[in-house]
Amino acid sequence: MTDVDKLTRVYLKIKNRRSEIKREFEEEDNRLKDQQEQIKRALLNHCKEHNVDSVRTADGTFYRSIRSKYWTNDWESIYNFVLDHKVPELFSKSLNQTNVKQFLEENPDLRPEGLNVDSEYVISVRKR
């Protein structure tokens, strides 16, 4: 048996064990998250029933606050709004990795100014 045979076997063994541990962790973590969500609903209900935004207990304090999420189903209108009102900060600063890669592959002579690329070799190991 060669060194690379042994390294591949050991790598796959470690990969399998990590997957097993991850699955076990995720199962337990999901059970705990579900329990926390049930408690959160009970605490929110308490705040609503007593018309309060915070409660101090012997073990800690809990707060009720409003969390808002924003999204759109009409990107064209949002783009126009951002341009009309000069508010580019409404967008998050990230690039869609898959779309940028595809664009560059389809347009090898075009490269946006300011675009940085970091490429490296990676190893992938699969079971036979």
Protein backbone atom coordinates (compact mmCIF):
# COMPACT_ATOMS: atom_id res chain seq x y z
CA MET A 1 0.00 0.00 0.00
CA THR A 2 1.36 3.42 -0.94
CA ASP A 3 1.37 6.52 1.20
CA VAL A 4 -1.34 8.15 -0.90
CA ASP A 5 -3.55 5.06 -0.53
CA LYS A 6 -3.19 5.27 3.23
CA LEU A 7 -3.73 9.04 3.30
CA THR A 8 -6.87 8.71 1.18
CA ARG A 9 -8.27 5.94 3.40
CA VAL A 10 -7.55 7.91 6.58
CA TYR A 11 -8.95 11.10 5.06
CA LEU A 12 -12.23 9.34 4.20
CA LYS A 13 -12.39 7.78 7.65
CA ILE A 14 -12.03 11.21 9.25
CA LYS A 15 -14.58 12.67 6.84
CA ASN A 16 -17.11 9.97 7.77
CA ARG A 17 -16.56 10.48 11.50
CA ARG A 18 -16.94 14.26 11.15
CA SER A 19 -20.20 13.73 9.26
CA GLU A 20 -21.47 11.44 12.00
CA ILE A 21 -20.53 13.90 14.75
CA LYS A 22 -22.05 16.79 12.80
CA ARG A 23 -25.33 14.90 12.30
CA GLU A 24 -25.50 14.06 16.03
CA PHE A 25 -24.77 17.66 16.97
CA GLU A 26 -27.36 19.05 14.55
CA GLU A 27 -30.05 16.70 15.87
CA GLU A 28 -29.40 17.73 19.48
CA ASP A 29 -29.00 21.40 18.55
CA ASN A 30 -32.35 21.34 16.70
CA ARG A 31 -34.07 19.82 19.76
CA LEU A 32 -32.64 22.57 21.94
CA LYS A 33 -33.60 25.29 19.42
CA ASP A 34 -37.18 23.98 19.39
CA GLN A 35 -37.30 24.14 23.19
CA GLN A 36 -35.95 27.70 23.15
CA GLU A 37 -38.58 28.72 20.56
CA GLN A 38 -41.37 27.35 22.75
CA ILE A 39 -40.01 29.32 25.72
CA LYS A 40 -39.67 32.49 23.59
CA ARG A 41 -43.32 32.19 22.54
CA ALA A 42 -44.36 31.83 26.19
CA LEU A 43 -42.29 34.88 27.20
CA LEU A 44 -43.69 36.94 24.29
CA ASN A 45 -47.17 35.90 25.36
CA HIS A 46 -46.39 37.00 28.94
CA CYS A 47 -45.27 40.43 27.67
CA LYS A 48 -48.41 40.78 25.56
CA GLU A 49 -50.76 39.72 28.37
CA HIS A 50 -49.13 42.11 30.86
CA ASN A 51 -48.49 44.91 28.33
CA VAL A 52 -44.76 45.14 29.19
CA ASP A 53 -41.58 45.19 27.10
CA SER A 54 -39.17 43.79 29.68
CA VAL A 55 -39.28 41.61 32.78
CA ARG A 56 -36.55 41.18 35.38
CA THR A 57 -36.41 37.82 37.14
CA ALA A 58 -34.05 36.39 39.73
CA ASP A 59 -32.17 34.59 36.91
CA GLY A 60 -32.15 37.28 34.25
CA THR A 61 -34.10 39.82 32.25
CA PHE A 62 -36.00 39.29 29.01
CA TYR A 63 -36.98 41.96 26.53
CA ARG A 64 -39.59 42.25 23.83
CA SER A 65 -38.64 44.29 20.77
CA ILE A 66 -39.71 44.63 17.15
CA ARG A 67 -37.51 43.13 14.44
CA SER A 68 -38.28 44.17 10.87
CA LYS A 69 -37.12 42.43 7.71
CA TYR A 70 -37.19 44.05 4.29
CA TRP A 71 -37.30 42.43 0.85
CA THR A 72 -38.70 43.02 -2.59
CA ASN A 73 -40.45 41.13 -5.33
CA ASP A 74 -39.92 44.04 -7.73
CA TRP A 75 -36.17 44.52 -8.19
CA GLU A 76 -36.57 46.90 -11.12
CA SER A 77 -38.55 49.35 -8.96
CA ILE A 78 -36.00 49.07 -6.15
CA TYR A 79 -33.10 49.71 -8.56
CA ASN A 80 -34.88 52.76 -9.96
CA PHE A 81 -35.65 54.04 -6.45
CA VAL A 82 -32.01 53.63 -5.40
CA LEU A 83 -30.83 55.50 -8.50
CA ASP A 84 -33.46 58.26 -8.23
CA HIS A 85 -32.75 58.93 -4.55
CA LYS A 86 -29.00 58.21 -4.65
CA VAL A 87 -29.16 55.68 -1.80
CA PRO A 88 -26.86 52.80 -2.83
CA GLU A 89 -26.42 51.98 0.88
CA LEU A 90 -29.78 50.18 0.67
CA PHE A 91 -27.92 47.35 -1.05
CA SER A 92 -25.56 44.98 0.72
CA LYS A 93 -22.00 44.88 -0.55
CA SER A 94 -21.46 41.38 -1.86
CA LEU A 95 -21.12 39.63 -5.19
CA ASN A 96 -22.99 36.52 -6.24
CA GLN A 97 -20.04 34.14 -6.66
CA THR A 98 -21.75 31.80 -9.12
CA ASN A 99 -23.01 34.61 -11.34
CA VAL A 100 -19.67 36.45 -11.40
CA LYS A 101 -17.85 33.23 -12.33
CA GLN A 102 -20.35 32.51 -15.09
CA PHE A 103 -20.16 36.09 -16.42
CA LEU A 104 -16.34 35.98 -16.56
CA GLU A 105 -16.39 32.59 -18.29
CA GLU A 106 -18.88 33.85 -20.88
CA ASN A 107 -17.09 37.20 -21.31
CA PRO A 108 -13.34 36.50 -21.05
CA ASP A 109 -12.48 39.93 -22.53
CA LEU A 110 -14.55 41.86 -19.98
CA ARG A 111 -13.46 42.37 -16.41
CA PRO A 112 -15.14 44.88 -14.10
CA GLU A 113 -12.77 47.50 -12.69
CA GLY A 114 -12.17 46.89 -8.99
CA LEU A 115 -12.93 43.16 -9.17
CA ASN A 116 -10.53 41.06 -7.13
CA VAL A 117 -10.10 37.33 -7.58
CA ASP A 118 -8.47 34.92 -5.17
CA SER A 119 -8.01 31.41 -6.58
CA GLU A 120 -6.32 28.45 -4.99
CA TYR A 121 -6.01 24.75 -5.59
CA VAL A 122 -8.15 22.58 -3.35
CA ILE A 123 -8.31 18.83 -2.87
CA SER A 124 -11.57 16.91 -2.99
CA VAL A 125 -11.66 13.29 -1.87
CA ARG A 126 -14.54 10.94 -2.68
CA LYS A 127 -15.22 7.38 -1.80
CA ARG A 128 -14.82 4.99 -4.69
